[in-house]
PDB file of N, CA and C in Angstrom:
ATOM      1  N   MET A   1      81.151  84.001  98.556  1.00  0.00           N
ATOM      2  CA  MET A   1      80.810  85.144  97.547  1.00  0.00           C
ATOM      3  C   MET A   1      80.858  86.099  98.381  1.00  0.00           C
ATOM      4  N   GLY A   2      80.594  86.398  99.883  1.00  0.00           N
ATOM      5  CA  GLY A   2      80.272  87.459 100.968  1.00  0.00           C
ATOM      6  C   GLY A   2      81.883  87.906 100.759  1.00  0.00           C
ATOM      7  N   SER A   3      83.262  86.729 101.161  1.00  0.00           N
ATOM      8  CA  SER A   3      83.748  87.158 101.202  1.00  0.00           C
ATOM      9  C   SER A   3      85.106  88.156 100.597  1.00  0.00           C
ATOM     10  N   PHE A   4      84.185  87.227  99.374  1.00  0.00           N
ATOM     11  CA  PHE A   4      84.749  88.504  98.371  1.00  0.00           C
ATOM     12  C   PHE A   4      84.403  90.065  98.488  1.00  0.00           C
ATOM     13  N   ALA A   5      83.503  90.049  98.083  1.00  0.00           N
ATOM     14  CA  ALA A   5      83.082  91.849  98.826  1.00  0.00           C
ATOM     15  C   ALA A   5      84.095  92.087  99.819  1.00  0.00           C
ATOM     16  N   LEU A   6      84.282  91.654 100.587  1.00  0.00           N
ATOM     17  CA  LEU A   6      84.693  92.123 102.496  1.00  0.00           C
ATOM     18  C   LEU A   6      85.897  92.173 101.821  1.00  0.00           C
ATOM     19  N   LEU A   7      86.816  91.159 100.943  1.00  0.00           N
ATOM     20  CA  LEU A   7      88.229  91.686 101.028  1.00  0.00           C
ATOM     21  C   LEU A   7      88.775  93.017  99.540  1.00  0.00           C
ATOM     22  N   THR A   8      87.544  92.880  99.450  1.00  0.00           N
ATOM     23  CA  THR A   8      87.114  94.080  98.225  1.00  0.00           C
ATOM     24  C   THR A   8      87.603  95.393  99.039  1.00  0.00           C
ATOM     25  N   ALA A   9      86.843  95.422 100.137  1.00  0.00           N
ATOM     26  CA  ALA A   9      86.486  96.962 100.623  1.00  0.00           C
ATOM     27  C   ALA A   9      87.835  96.403 101.750  1.00  0.00           C
ATOM     28  N   LEU A  10      88.689  95.815 101.976  1.00  0.00           N
ATOM     29  CA  LEU A  10      89.115  95.774 102.801  1.00  0.00           C
ATOM     30  C   LEU A  10      90.919  96.008 102.126  1.00  0.00           C
ATOM     31  N   GLY A  11      91.233  96.376 100.316  1.00  0.00           N
ATOM     32  CA  GLY A  11      92.239  95.947  99.548  1.00  0.00           C
ATOM     33  C   GLY A  11      91.386  97.217  99.605  1.00  0.00           C
ATOM     34  N   ALA A  12      90.753  97.993  99.621  1.00  0.00           N
ATOM     35  CA  ALA A  12      90.606 100.128  99.106  1.00  0.00           C
ATOM     36  C   ALA A  12      91.280 100.538  99.440  1.00  0.00           C
ATOM     37  N   GLN A  13      91.331  99.744 101.638  1.00  0.00           N
ATOM     38  CA  GLN A  13      91.285 100.813 102.414  1.00  0.00           C
ATOM     39  C   GLN A  13      93.302 100.750 102.097  1.00  0.00           C
ATOM     40  N   ILE A  14      93.758  99.884 101.691  1.00  0.00           N
ATOM     41  CA  ILE A  14      95.464  99.668 101.979  1.00  0.00           C
ATOM     42  C   ILE A  14      96.100 100.604 100.658  1.00  0.00           C
ATOM     43  N   VAL A  15      96.977 101.240 100.623  1.00  0.00           N
ATOM     44  CA  VAL A  15      97.565 101.707  99.704  1.00  0.00           C
ATOM     45  C   VAL A  15      98.902 101.661  99.678  1.00  0.00           C
ATOM     46  N   LEU A  16      99.386 101.502  98.774  1.00  0.00           N
ATOM     47  CA  LEU A  16     100.568 101.645  98.457  1.00  0.00           C
ATOM     48  C   LEU A  16     101.409 102.445  97.772  1.00  0.00           C
ATOM     49  N   PRO A  17     101.788 103.249  98.008  1.00  0.00           N
ATOM     50  CA  PRO A  17     102.598 104.913  97.848  1.00  0.00           C
ATOM     51  C   PRO A  17     103.586 104.024  96.549  1.00  0.00           C
ATOM     52  N   THR A  18     103.404 104.666  95.321  1.00  0.00           N
ATOM     53  CA  THR A  18     104.018 104.676  93.901  1.00  0.00           C
ATOM     54  C   THR A  18     103.911 106.293  93.543  1.00  0.00           C
ATOM     55  N   ILE A  19     104.526 105.796  92.612  1.00  0.00           N
ATOM     56  CA  ILE A  19     104.529 107.530  91.791  1.00  0.00           C
ATOM     57  C   ILE A  19     104.366 106.763  90.111  1.00  0.00           C
ATOM     58  N   PRO A  20     103.761 107.689  89.710  1.00  0.00           N
ATOM     59  CA  PRO A  20     103.389 108.791  90.014  1.00  0.00           C
ATOM     60  C   PRO A  20     101.554 108.825  91.149  1.00  0.00           C
ATOM     61  N   VAL A  21     100.938 107.395  90.995  1.00  0.00           N
ATOM     62  CA  VAL A  21      99.874 106.732  91.620  1.00  0.00           C
ATOM     63  C   VAL A  21      99.627 106.579  92.535  1.00  0.00           C
ATOM     64  N   PRO A  22      99.191 106.350  93.374  1.00  0.00           N
ATOM     65  CA  PRO A  22      99.145 105.607  94.316  1.00  0.00           C
ATOM     66  C   PRO A  22      98.020 104.412  93.651  1.00  0.00           C
ATOM     67  N   PHE A  23      98.989 103.122  94.697  1.00  0.00           N
ATOM     68  CA  PHE A  23      98.119 101.727  93.854  1.00  0.00           C
ATOM     69  C   PHE A  23      97.456 100.906  95.346  1.00  0.00           C
ATOM     70  N   THR A  24      95.995 100.500  95.081  1.00  0.00           N
ATOM     71  CA  THR A  24      95.658 100.283  95.487  1.00  0.00           C
ATOM     72  C   THR A  24      95.880  99.120  95.732  1.00  0.00           C
ATOM     73  N   LEU A  25      95.410  97.891  97.391  1.00  0.00           N
ATOM     74  CA  LEU A  25      95.112  95.880  96.558  1.00  0.00           C
ATOM     75  C   LEU A  25      93.894  96.363  95.960  1.00  0.00           C
ATOM     76  N   GLN A  26      92.458  96.600  96.755  1.00  0.00           N
ATOM     77  CA  GLN A  26      91.563  97.134  95.454  1.00  0.00           C
ATOM     78  C   GLN A  26      91.664  96.232  94.501  1.00  0.00           C
ATOM     79  N   THR A  27      91.824  96.307  93.402  1.00  0.00           N
ATOM     80  CA  THR A  27      92.105  95.618  92.310  1.00  0.00           C
ATOM     81  C   THR A  27      92.814  94.355  92.892  1.00  0.00           C
ATOM     82  N   PHE A  28      93.200  94.197  92.652  1.00  0.00           N
ATOM     83  CA  PHE A  28      94.704  93.168  92.708  1.00  0.00           C
ATOM     84  C   PHE A  28      93.257  92.308  93.771  1.00  0.00           C
ATOM     85  N   PHE A  29      92.356  92.491  94.606  1.00  0.00           N
ATOM     86  CA  PHE A  29      91.482  91.515  95.019  1.00  0.00           C
ATOM     87  C   PHE A  29      89.937  91.109  93.871  1.00  0.00           C
ATOM     88  N   VAL A  30      90.354  92.299  93.185  1.00  0.00           N
ATOM     89  CA  VAL A  30      88.821  91.761  92.457  1.00  0.00           C
ATOM     90  C   VAL A  30      89.292  91.214  91.341  1.00  0.00           C
ATOM     91  N   LEU A  31      91.122  91.241  91.385  1.00  0.00           N
ATOM     92  CA  LEU A  31      91.319  90.079  90.215  1.00  0.00           C
ATOM     93  C   LEU A  31      91.291  88.764  90.554  1.00  0.00           C
ATOM     94  N   LEU A  32      91.589  88.565  92.033  1.00  0.00           N
ATOM     95  CA  LEU A  32      92.142  87.116  92.409  1.00  0.00           C
ATOM     96  C   LEU A  32      90.242  86.671  92.684  1.00  0.00           C
ATOM     97  N   SER A  33      89.051  87.539  93.134  1.00  0.00           N
ATOM     98  CA  SER A  33      87.571  86.481  92.826  1.00  0.00           C
ATOM     99  C   SER A  33      87.150  86.541  91.511  1.00  0.00           C
ATOM    100  N   GLY A  34      87.594  87.217  90.832  1.00  0.00           N
ATOM    101  CA  GLY A  34      87.157  86.306  89.224  1.00  0.00           C
ATOM    102  C   GLY A  34      87.617  85.658  88.504  1.00  0.00           C
ATOM    103  N   ALA A  35      88.884  85.645  89.898  1.00  0.00           N
ATOM    104  CA  ALA A  35      90.746  84.036  88.395  1.00  0.00           C
ATOM    105  C   ALA A  35      89.377  82.930  89.859  1.00  0.00           C
ATOM    106  N   LEU A  36      89.368  82.687  90.833  1.00  0.00           N
ATOM    107  CA  LEU A  36      88.866  82.125  91.785  1.00  0.00           C
ATOM    108  C   LEU A  36      87.071  81.670  92.132  1.00  0.00           C
ATOM    109  N   LEU A  37      86.392  82.746  91.355  1.00  0.00           N
ATOM    110  CA  LEU A  37      85.664  82.483  90.389  1.00  0.00           C
ATOM    111  C   LEU A  37      85.058  81.332  89.892  1.00  0.00           C
ATOM    112  N   GLY A  38      85.207  82.833  87.976  1.00  0.00           N
ATOM    113  CA  GLY A  38      85.426  81.516  87.166  1.00  0.00           C
ATOM    114  C   GLY A  38      84.441  82.099  86.354  1.00  0.00           C
ATOM    115  N   PRO A  39      84.091  82.622  85.098  1.00  0.00           N
ATOM    116  CA  PRO A  39      83.288  82.984  84.820  1.00  0.00           C
ATOM    117  C   PRO A  39      81.878  81.728  85.253  1.00  0.00           C
ATOM    118  N   ARG A  40      80.287  82.830  84.984  1.00  0.00           N
ATOM    119  CA  ARG A  40      78.919  82.304  85.572  1.00  0.00           C
ATOM    120  C   ARG A  40      78.648  81.436  84.688  1.00  0.00           C
ATOM    121  N   LYS A  41      77.753  80.240  85.092  1.00  0.00           N
ATOM    122  CA  LYS A  41      77.585  79.115  84.096  1.00  0.00           C
ATOM    123  C   LYS A  41      76.371  78.959  83.663  1.00  0.00           C
TER     124      LYS A  41
END
């Protein structure tokens, strides 16, 4: 689980310059973490 936190922190530093709002990979890594971990049981 700690690796997902690390990916999220690193993804926040990677910016994809789109117009009008820049997009970071933080959102992608959060969604990827949720998809891989699944719902809590």
